[in-house]
Structures are given as structure tokens and as C-alpha cells.
Amino acid sequence: MAEIVCPHCRVKVPLQEPGEGPPQQIVECPGCGMLIDLNDLAQRQEEQAVAAEWQDIKKRRKRELNTVLVIAFLAALVAGVIIYVYCILNP
């Protein structure tokens, strides 16, 4: 028997087997009594999966950007030291 988890109270809600009649679209939670729309629930799960992937991409981009900024800062620092030493040695 298939089960889903109620998004409101996190109680397992049993679903009908496909051969027991017409497919259910709306199920009532035995724990909190809320009506759960199965189509809406499936759509939310897809959106959450896409959002999780996007957040991972954003974290990766931020990490890459931080690395580039650190390298640019260190390169500017080294260039500044070289120019300073050159100016002191050749007045």
C-alpha cells in the first residue's frame, strides 16, 4: 500500500491501490484532518527539487567568485610590492 507524508503534520497517509477504484486526487489526513491535493503535492516536490539544484549552483558560483577575488587581491598586492621596491631601488 502506498503512503505519502502529510506536509502539515508529518503523519503517513495511506493511499488507495490503483486497482481499488478511481484514482484519488484529494486525500484527508487522519492526523490533522487537512485535505491534501496529490497533484499539488507532486508539483511542490518537483519545484523543491529544482530549487535545491539551483541553490547548489548558486553556492558553487559564489565559491568560484570568492576564489577569483582572492587571487585578484593577491596579484594586486604582489604587483604593488614589486612597484614599491622598484621605486625605492631606482630613485
PDB file of N, CA and C in Angstrom:
ATOM      1  N   MET A   1       0.853  -1.180   0.000  1.00  0.00           N
ATOM      2  CA  MET A   1       0.000   0.000   0.000  1.00  0.00           C
ATOM      3  C   MET A   1       0.897   1.241   0.000  1.00  0.00           C
ATOM      4  N   ALA A   2       0.582   2.161  -0.869  1.00  0.00           N
ATOM      5  CA  ALA A   2       1.373   3.381  -0.994  1.00  0.00           C
ATOM      6  C   ALA A   2       1.001   4.361   0.113  1.00  0.00           C
ATOM      7  N   GLU A   3       1.993   5.138   0.511  1.00  0.00           N
ATOM      8  CA  GLU A   3       1.784   6.151   1.550  1.00  0.00           C
ATOM      9  C   GLU A   3       2.459   7.442   1.129  1.00  0.00           C
ATOM     10  N   ILE A   4       1.906   8.538   1.609  1.00  0.00           N
ATOM     11  CA  ILE A   4       2.550   9.837   1.466  1.00  0.00           C
ATOM     12  C   ILE A   4       2.640  10.446   2.857  1.00  0.00           C
ATOM     13  N   VAL A   5       3.430  11.472   2.993  1.00  0.00           N
ATOM     14  CA  VAL A   5       3.575  12.159   4.275  1.00  0.00           C
ATOM     15  C   VAL A   5       2.814  13.476   4.194  1.00  0.00           C
ATOM     16  N   CYS A   6       1.981  13.733   5.198  1.00  0.00           N
ATOM     17  CA  CYS A   6       1.209  14.975   5.250  1.00  0.00           C
ATOM     18  C   CYS A   6       2.175  16.154   5.415  1.00  0.00           C
ATOM     19  N   PRO A   7       2.099  17.183   4.560  1.00  0.00           N
ATOM     20  CA  PRO A   7       3.012  18.320   4.684  1.00  0.00           C
ATOM     21  C   PRO A   7       2.719  19.197   5.901  1.00  0.00           C
ATOM     22  N   HIS A   8       1.555  19.014   6.526  1.00  0.00           N
ATOM     23  CA  HIS A   8       1.178  19.850   7.661  1.00  0.00           C
ATOM     24  C   HIS A   8       1.638  19.253   8.988  1.00  0.00           C
ATOM     25  N   CYS A   9       1.366  17.944   9.189  1.00  0.00           N
ATOM     26  CA  CYS A   9       1.660  17.343  10.500  1.00  0.00           C
ATOM     27  C   CYS A   9       2.658  16.191  10.418  1.00  0.00           C
ATOM     28  N   ARG A  10       3.140  15.856   9.242  1.00  0.00           N
ATOM     29  CA  ARG A  10       4.146  14.810   9.016  1.00  0.00           C
ATOM     30  C   ARG A  10       3.671  13.410   9.413  1.00  0.00           C
ATOM     31  N   VAL A  11       2.371  13.136   9.288  1.00  0.00           N
ATOM     32  CA  VAL A  11       1.814  11.812   9.556  1.00  0.00           C
ATOM     33  C   VAL A  11       1.703  11.078   8.223  1.00  0.00           C
ATOM     34  N   LYS A  12       1.976   9.768   8.224  1.00  0.00           N
ATOM     35  CA  LYS A  12       1.856   8.986   6.998  1.00  0.00           C
ATOM     36  C   LYS A  12       0.385   8.782   6.664  1.00  0.00           C
ATOM     37  N   VAL A  13       0.027   9.099   5.426  1.00  0.00           N
ATOM     38  CA  VAL A  13      -1.354   8.981   4.955  1.00  0.00           C
ATOM     39  C   VAL A  13      -1.402   7.854   3.928  1.00  0.00           C
ATOM     40  N   PRO A  14      -2.204   6.801   4.178  1.00  0.00           N
ATOM     41  CA  PRO A  14      -2.284   5.702   3.206  1.00  0.00           C
ATOM     42  C   PRO A  14      -3.082   6.110   1.970  1.00  0.00           C
ATOM     43  N   LEU A  15      -2.670   5.601   0.825  1.00  0.00           N
ATOM     44  CA  LEU A  15      -3.366   5.859  -0.435  1.00  0.00           C
ATOM     45  C   LEU A  15      -4.014   4.574  -0.922  1.00  0.00           C
ATOM     46  N   GLN A  16      -5.047   4.706  -1.742  1.00  0.00           N
ATOM     47  CA  GLN A  16      -5.690   3.536  -2.332  1.00  0.00           C
ATOM     48  C   GLN A  16      -4.752   2.888  -3.337  1.00  0.00           C
ATOM     49  N   GLU A  17      -4.885   1.585  -3.470  1.00  0.00           N
ATOM     50  CA  GLU A  17      -4.163   0.882  -4.525  1.00  0.00           C
ATOM     51  C   GLU A  17      -4.807   1.249  -5.860  1.00  0.00           C
ATOM     52  N   PRO A  18      -4.061   1.248  -6.942  1.00  0.00           N
ATOM     53  CA  PRO A  18      -4.626   1.654  -8.232  1.00  0.00           C
ATOM     54  C   PRO A  18      -5.809   0.803  -8.690  1.00  0.00           C
ATOM     55  N   GLY A  19      -5.902  -0.459  -8.279  1.00  0.00           N
ATOM     56  CA  GLY A  19      -6.971  -1.326  -8.740  1.00  0.00           C
ATOM     57  C   GLY A  19      -8.234  -1.242  -7.904  1.00  0.00           C
ATOM     58  N   GLU A  20      -8.264  -0.455  -6.845  1.00  0.00           N
ATOM     59  CA  GLU A  20      -9.392  -0.412  -5.918  1.00  0.00           C
ATOM     60  C   GLU A  20     -10.452   0.612  -6.293  1.00  0.00           C
ATOM     61  N   GLY A  21     -10.386   1.201  -7.427  1.00  0.00           N
ATOM     62  CA  GLY A  21     -11.388   2.185  -7.816  1.00  0.00           C
ATOM     63  C   GLY A  21     -10.740   3.327  -8.562  1.00  0.00           C
ATOM     64  N   PRO A  22     -11.474   4.429  -8.705  1.00  0.00           N
ATOM     65  CA  PRO A  22     -10.894   5.577  -9.417  1.00  0.00           C
ATOM     66  C   PRO A  22      -9.726   6.160  -8.618  1.00  0.00           C
ATOM     67  N   PRO A  23      -8.712   6.679  -9.299  1.00  0.00           N
ATOM     68  CA  PRO A  23      -7.556   7.243  -8.574  1.00  0.00           C
ATOM     69  C   PRO A  23      -7.959   8.452  -7.734  1.00  0.00           C
ATOM     70  N   GLN A  24      -7.375   8.522  -6.554  1.00  0.00           N
ATOM     71  CA  GLN A  24      -7.679   9.626  -5.645  1.00  0.00           C
ATOM     72  C   GLN A  24      -6.906  10.867  -6.070  1.00  0.00           C
ATOM     73  N   GLN A  25      -7.544  12.008  -5.982  1.00  0.00           N
ATOM     74  CA  GLN A  25      -6.886  13.270  -6.252  1.00  0.00           C
ATOM     75  C   GLN A  25      -6.711  14.074  -4.973  1.00  0.00           C
ATOM     76  N   ILE A  26      -7.666  13.914  -4.031  1.00  0.00           N
ATOM     77  CA  ILE A  26      -7.612  14.628  -2.760  1.00  0.00           C
ATOM     78  C   ILE A  26      -7.781  13.605  -1.641  1.00  0.00           C
ATOM     79  N   VAL A  27      -6.890  13.663  -0.643  1.00  0.00           N
ATOM     80  CA  VAL A  27      -6.900  12.721   0.470  1.00  0.00           C
ATOM     81  C   VAL A  27      -6.995  13.517   1.759  1.00  0.00           C
ATOM     82  N   GLU A  28      -7.728  12.992   2.735  1.00  0.00           N
ATOM     83  CA  GLU A  28      -7.825  13.649   4.038  1.00  0.00           C
ATOM     84  C   GLU A  28      -6.816  13.014   4.987  1.00  0.00           C
ATOM     85  N   CYS A  29      -6.052  13.842   5.683  1.00  0.00           N
ATOM     86  CA  CYS A  29      -5.051  13.365   6.631  1.00  0.00           C
ATOM     87  C   CYS A  29      -5.754  12.873   7.896  1.00  0.00           C
ATOM     88  N   PRO A  30      -5.422  11.657   8.372  1.00  0.00           N
ATOM     89  CA  PRO A  30      -6.048  11.169   9.600  1.00  0.00           C
ATOM     90  C   PRO A  30      -5.530  11.881  10.848  1.00  0.00           C
ATOM     91  N   GLY A  31      -4.373  12.521  10.753  1.00  0.00           N
ATOM     92  CA  GLY A  31      -3.794  13.189  11.916  1.00  0.00           C
ATOM     93  C   GLY A  31      -4.365  14.571  12.167  1.00  0.00           C
ATOM     94  N   CYS A  32      -4.369  15.410  11.134  1.00  0.00           N
ATOM     95  CA  CYS A  32      -4.803  16.800  11.328  1.00  0.00           C
ATOM     96  C   CYS A  32      -6.108  17.129  10.612  1.00  0.00           C
ATOM     97  N   GLY A  33      -6.591  16.248   9.743  1.00  0.00           N
ATOM     98  CA  GLY A  33      -7.851  16.482   9.057  1.00  0.00           C
ATOM     99  C   GLY A  33      -7.747  17.386   7.846  1.00  0.00           C
ATOM    100  N   MET A  34      -6.553  17.823   7.488  1.00  0.00           N
ATOM    101  CA  MET A  34      -6.372  18.698   6.324  1.00  0.00           C
ATOM    102  C   MET A  34      -6.542  17.883   5.043  1.00  0.00           C
ATOM    103  N   LEU A  35      -7.036  18.519   3.998  1.00  0.00           N
ATOM    104  CA  LEU A  35      -7.166  17.876   2.701  1.00  0.00           C
ATOM    105  C   LEU A  35      -5.865  18.071   1.927  1.00  0.00           C
ATOM    106  N   ILE A  36      -5.347  16.991   1.377  1.00  0.00           N
ATOM    107  CA  ILE A  36      -4.084  17.027   0.643  1.00  0.00           C
ATOM    108  C   ILE A  36      -4.392  16.780  -0.828  1.00  0.00           C
ATOM    109  N   ASP A  37      -4.068  17.740  -1.673  1.00  0.00           N
ATOM    110  CA  ASP A  37      -4.242  17.590  -3.119  1.00  0.00           C
ATOM    111  C   ASP A  37      -2.986  16.909  -3.659  1.00  0.00           C
ATOM    112  N   LEU A  38      -3.141  15.707  -4.197  1.00  0.00           N
ATOM    113  CA  LEU A  38      -1.983  14.934  -4.641  1.00  0.00           C
ATOM    114  C   LEU A  38      -1.296  15.576  -5.843  1.00  0.00           C
ATOM    115  N   ASN A  39      -2.066  16.208  -6.724  1.00  0.00           N
ATOM    116  CA  ASN A  39      -1.452  16.886  -7.875  1.00  0.00           C
ATOM    117  C   ASN A  39      -0.597  18.059  -7.409  1.00  0.00           C
ATOM    118  N   ASP A  40      -1.106  18.827  -6.460  1.00  0.00           N
ATOM    119  CA  ASP A  40      -0.368  19.968  -5.926  1.00  0.00           C
ATOM    120  C   ASP A  40       0.878  19.495  -5.178  1.00  0.00           C
ATOM    121  N   LEU A  41       0.744  18.382  -4.453  1.00  0.00           N
ATOM    122  CA  LEU A  41       1.874  17.838  -3.696  1.00  0.00           C
ATOM    123  C   LEU A  41       2.993  17.406  -4.642  1.00  0.00           C
ATOM    124  N   ALA A  42       2.634  16.745  -5.747  1.00  0.00           N
ATOM    125  CA  ALA A  42       3.643  16.319  -6.723  1.00  0.00           C
ATOM    126  C   ALA A  42       4.324  17.530  -7.355  1.00  0.00           C
ATOM    127  N   GLN A  43       3.556  18.575  -7.646  1.00  0.00           N
ATOM    128  CA  GLN A  43       4.131  19.776  -8.250  1.00  0.00           C
ATOM    129  C   GLN A  43       5.088  20.461  -7.274  1.00  0.00           C
ATOM    130  N   ARG A  44       4.726  20.512  -5.995  1.00  0.00           N
ATOM    131  CA  ARG A  44       5.609  21.127  -4.994  1.00  0.00           C
ATOM    132  C   ARG A  44       6.921  20.369  -4.875  1.00  0.00           C
ATOM    133  N   GLN A  45       6.850  19.034  -4.911  1.00  0.00           N
ATOM    134  CA  GLN A  45       8.067  18.238  -4.800  1.00  0.00           C
ATOM    135  C   GLN A  45       8.988  18.498  -5.986  1.00  0.00           C
ATOM    136  N   GLU A  46       8.415  18.643  -7.184  1.00  0.00           N
ATOM    137  CA  GLU A  46       9.234  18.965  -8.353  1.00  0.00           C
ATOM    138  C   GLU A  46       9.878  20.341  -8.204  1.00  0.00           C
ATOM    139  N   GLU A  47       9.117  21.314  -7.712  1.00  0.00           N
ATOM    140  CA  GLU A  47       9.653  22.664  -7.533  1.00  0.00           C
ATOM    141  C   GLU A  47      10.761  22.674  -6.491  1.00  0.00           C
ATOM    142  N   GLN A  48      10.601  21.893  -5.422  1.00  0.00           N
ATOM    143  CA  GLN A  48      11.631  21.838  -4.389  1.00  0.00           C
ATOM    144  C   GLN A  48      12.906  21.216  -4.931  1.00  0.00           C
ATOM    145  N   ALA A  49      12.773  20.198  -5.789  1.00  0.00           N
ATOM    146  CA  ALA A  49      13.956  19.572  -6.374  1.00  0.00           C
ATOM    147  C   ALA A  49      14.702  20.562  -7.264  1.00  0.00           C
ATOM    148  N   VAL A  50      13.976  21.321  -8.060  1.00  0.00           N
ATOM    149  CA  VAL A  50      14.608  22.322  -8.934  1.00  0.00           C
ATOM    150  C   VAL A  50      15.255  23.417  -8.096  1.00  0.00           C
ATOM    151  N   ALA A  51      14.573  23.850  -7.036  1.00  0.00           N
ATOM    152  CA  ALA A  51      15.122  24.894  -6.168  1.00  0.00           C
ATOM    153  C   ALA A  51      16.396  24.409  -5.486  1.00  0.00           C
ATOM    154  N   ALA A  52      16.431  23.142  -5.062  1.00  0.00           N
ATOM    155  CA  ALA A  52      17.622  22.604  -4.408  1.00  0.00           C
ATOM    156  C   ALA A  52      18.802  22.586  -5.379  1.00  0.00           C
ATOM    157  N   GLU A  53      18.549  22.197  -6.634  1.00  0.00           N
ATOM    158  CA  GLU A  53      19.626  22.199  -7.626  1.00  0.00           C
ATOM    159  C   GLU A  53      20.127  23.621  -7.876  1.00  0.00           C
ATOM    160  N   TRP A  54      19.212  24.581  -7.972  1.00  0.00           N
ATOM    161  CA  TRP A  54      19.591  25.967  -8.228  1.00  0.00           C
ATOM    162  C   TRP A  54      20.420  26.521  -7.081  1.00  0.00           C
ATOM    163  N   GLN A  55      20.058  26.194  -5.838  1.00  0.00           N
ATOM    164  CA  GLN A  55      20.824  26.678  -4.694  1.00  0.00           C
ATOM    165  C   GLN A  55      22.226  26.093  -4.708  1.00  0.00           C
ATOM    166  N   ASP A  56      22.354  24.839  -5.148  1.00  0.00           N
ATOM    167  CA  ASP A  56      23.677  24.235  -5.241  1.00  0.00           C
ATOM    168  C   ASP A  56      24.517  24.964  -6.283  1.00  0.00           C
ATOM    169  N   ILE A  57      23.904  25.326  -7.403  1.00  0.00           N
ATOM    170  CA  ILE A  57      24.623  26.066  -8.442  1.00  0.00           C
ATOM    171  C   ILE A  57      25.040  27.435  -7.918  1.00  0.00           C
ATOM    172  N   LYS A  58      24.152  28.106  -7.183  1.00  0.00           N
ATOM    173  CA  LYS A  58      24.477  29.422  -6.637  1.00  0.00           C
ATOM    174  C   LYS A  58      25.639  29.325  -5.654  1.00  0.00           C
ATOM    175  N   LYS A  59      25.661  28.281  -4.808  1.00  0.00           N
ATOM    176  CA  LYS A  59      26.762  28.119  -3.857  1.00  0.00           C
ATOM    177  C   LYS A  59      28.072  27.903  -4.593  1.00  0.00           C
ATOM    178  N   ARG A  60      28.028  27.081  -5.649  1.00  0.00           N
ATOM    179  CA  ARG A  60      29.235  26.803  -6.406  1.00  0.00           C
ATOM    180  C   ARG A  60      29.757  28.074  -7.073  1.00  0.00           C
ATOM    181  N   ARG A  61      28.847  28.877  -7.649  1.00  0.00           N
ATOM    182  CA  ARG A  61      29.258  30.123  -8.296  1.00  0.00           C
ATOM    183  C   ARG A  61      29.848  31.095  -7.286  1.00  0.00           C
ATOM    184  N   LYS A  62      29.244  31.155  -6.107  1.00  0.00           N
ATOM    185  CA  LYS A  62      29.744  32.063  -5.080  1.00  0.00           C
ATOM    186  C   LYS A  62      31.147  31.638  -4.651  1.00  0.00           C
ATOM    187  N   ARG A  63      31.367  30.334  -4.509  1.00  0.00           N
ATOM    188  CA  ARG A  63      32.672  29.830  -4.125  1.00  0.00           C
ATOM    189  C   ARG A  63      33.703  30.173  -5.194  1.00  0.00           C
ATOM    190  N   GLU A  64      33.341  30.001  -6.468  1.00  0.00           N
ATOM    191  CA  GLU A  64      34.261  30.325  -7.557  1.00  0.00           C
ATOM    192  C   GLU A  64      34.566  31.818  -7.586  1.00  0.00           C
ATOM    193  N   LEU A  65      33.553  32.639  -7.360  1.00  0.00           N
ATOM    194  CA  LEU A  65      33.746  34.086  -7.354  1.00  0.00           C
ATOM    195  C   LEU A  65      34.674  34.493  -6.213  1.00  0.00           C
ATOM    196  N   ASN A  66      34.510  33.903  -5.040  1.00  0.00           N
ATOM    197  CA  ASN A  66      35.385  34.212  -3.912  1.00  0.00           C
ATOM    198  C   ASN A  66      36.826  33.843  -4.235  1.00  0.00           C
ATOM    199  N   THR A  67      37.032  32.719  -4.893  1.00  0.00           N
ATOM    200  CA  THR A  67      38.383  32.299  -5.258  1.00  0.00           C
ATOM    201  C   THR A  67      39.008  33.303  -6.225  1.00  0.00           C
ATOM    202  N   VAL A  68      38.251  33.746  -7.206  1.00  0.00           N
ATOM    203  CA  VAL A  68      38.762  34.725  -8.176  1.00  0.00           C
ATOM    204  C   VAL A  68      39.100  36.037  -7.476  1.00  0.00           C
ATOM    205  N   LEU A  69      38.266  36.472  -6.555  1.00  0.00           N
ATOM    206  CA  LEU A  69      38.536  37.723  -5.840  1.00  0.00           C
ATOM    207  C   LEU A  69      39.797  37.621  -4.986  1.00  0.00           C
ATOM    208  N   VAL A  70      40.006  36.505  -4.338  1.00  0.00           N
ATOM    209  CA  VAL A  70      41.214  36.321  -3.520  1.00  0.00           C
ATOM    210  C   VAL A  70      42.450  36.329  -4.412  1.00  0.00           C
ATOM    211  N   ILE A  71      42.388  35.646  -5.549  1.00  0.00           N
ATOM    212  CA  ILE A  71      43.531  35.625  -6.468  1.00  0.00           C
ATOM    213  C   ILE A  71      43.817  37.030  -7.002  1.00  0.00           C
ATOM    214  N   ALA A  72      42.784  37.779  -7.356  1.00  0.00           N
ATOM    215  CA  ALA A  72      42.979  39.147  -7.853  1.00  0.00           C
ATOM    216  C   ALA A  72      43.581  40.037  -6.773  1.00  0.00           C
ATOM    217  N   PHE A  73      43.131  39.892  -5.537  1.00  0.00           N
ATOM    218  CA  PHE A  73      43.678  40.685  -4.437  1.00  0.00           C
ATOM    219  C   PHE A  73      45.154  40.370  -4.227  1.00  0.00           C
ATOM    220  N   LEU A  74      45.495  39.086  -4.225  1.00  0.00           N
ATOM    221  CA  LEU A  74      46.897  38.709  -4.022  1.00  0.00           C
ATOM    222  C   LEU A  74      47.768  39.187  -5.186  1.00  0.00           C
ATOM    223  N   ALA A  75      47.263  39.124  -6.410  1.00  0.00           N
ATOM    224  CA  ALA A  75      48.028  39.603  -7.566  1.00  0.00           C
ATOM    225  C   ALA A  75      48.260  41.109  -7.468  1.00  0.00           C
ATOM    226  N   ALA A  76      47.250  41.858  -7.061  1.00  0.00           N
ATOM    227  CA  ALA A  76      47.404  43.306  -6.898  1.00  0.00           C
ATOM    228  C   ALA A  76      48.388  43.619  -5.781  1.00  0.00           C
ATOM    229  N   LEU A  77      48.355  42.853  -4.721  1.00  0.00           N
ATOM    230  CA  LEU A  77      49.279  43.057  -3.602  1.00  0.00           C
ATOM    231  C   LEU A  77      50.719  42.805  -4.041  1.00  0.00           C
ATOM    232  N   VAL A  78      50.948  41.728  -4.770  1.00  0.00           N
ATOM    233  CA  VAL A  78      52.296  41.416  -5.261  1.00  0.00           C
ATOM    234  C   VAL A  78      52.753  42.496  -6.242  1.00  0.00           C
ATOM    235  N   ALA A  79      51.876  42.940  -7.130  1.00  0.00           N
ATOM    236  CA  ALA A  79      52.243  43.998  -8.077  1.00  0.00           C
ATOM    237  C   ALA A  79      52.582  45.287  -7.333  1.00  0.00           C
ATOM    238  N   GLY A  80      51.842  45.619  -6.299  1.00  0.00           N
ATOM    239  CA  GLY A  80      52.126  46.812  -5.508  1.00  0.00           C
ATOM    240  C   GLY A  80      53.470  46.728  -4.819  1.00  0.00           C
ATOM    241  N   VAL A  81      53.791  45.568  -4.274  1.00  0.00           N
ATOM    242  CA  VAL A  81      55.091  45.388  -3.607  1.00  0.00           C
ATOM    243  C   VAL A  81      56.216  45.509  -4.629  1.00  0.00           C
ATOM    244  N   ILE A  82      56.053  44.917  -5.793  1.00  0.00           N
ATOM    245  CA  ILE A  82      57.096  44.989  -6.824  1.00  0.00           C
ATOM    246  C   ILE A  82      57.303  46.436  -7.276  1.00  0.00           C
ATOM    247  N   ILE A  83      56.243  47.168  -7.499  1.00  0.00           N
ATOM    248  CA  ILE A  83      56.360  48.577  -7.913  1.00  0.00           C
ATOM    249  C   ILE A  83      57.003  49.408  -6.806  1.00  0.00           C
ATOM    250  N   TYR A  84      56.636  49.164  -5.565  1.00  0.00           N
ATOM    251  CA  TYR A  84      57.207  49.902  -4.435  1.00  0.00           C
ATOM    252  C   TYR A  84      58.709  49.645  -4.333  1.00  0.00           C
ATOM    253  N   VAL A  85      59.107  48.384  -4.430  1.00  0.00           N
ATOM    254  CA  VAL A  85      60.535  48.045  -4.347  1.00  0.00           C
ATOM    255  C   VAL A  85      61.282  48.658  -5.532  1.00  0.00           C
ATOM    256  N   TYR A  86      60.715  48.625  -6.709  1.00  0.00           N
ATOM    257  CA  TYR A  86      61.352  49.206  -7.884  1.00  0.00           C
ATOM    258  C   TYR A  86      61.545  50.713  -7.703  1.00  0.00           C
ATOM    259  N   CYS A  87      60.545  51.396  -7.142  1.00  0.00           N
ATOM    260  CA  CYS A  87      60.647  52.843  -6.935  1.00  0.00           C
ATOM    261  C   CYS A  87      61.702  53.181  -5.883  1.00  0.00           C
ATOM    262  N   ILE A  88      61.854  52.357  -4.883  1.00  0.00           N
ATOM    263  CA  ILE A  88      62.851  52.619  -3.835  1.00  0.00           C
ATOM    264  C   ILE A  88      64.260  52.369  -4.367  1.00  0.00           C
ATOM    265  N   LEU A  89      64.456  51.303  -5.142  1.00  0.00           N
ATOM    266  CA  LEU A  89      65.789  50.973  -5.639  1.00  0.00           C
ATOM    267  C   LEU A  89      66.231  51.894  -6.776  1.00  0.00           C
ATOM    268  N   ASN A  90      65.310  52.459  -7.535  1.00  0.00           N
ATOM    269  CA  ASN A  90      65.641  53.351  -8.647  1.00  0.00           C
ATOM    270  C   ASN A  90      65.004  54.722  -8.415  1.00  0.00           C
ATOM    271  N   PRO A  91      65.661  55.566  -7.618  1.00  0.00           N
ATOM    272  CA  PRO A  91      65.049  56.877  -7.323  1.00  0.00           C
ATOM    273  C   PRO A  91      65.080  57.847  -8.457  1.00  0.00           C
TER     274      PRO A  91
END
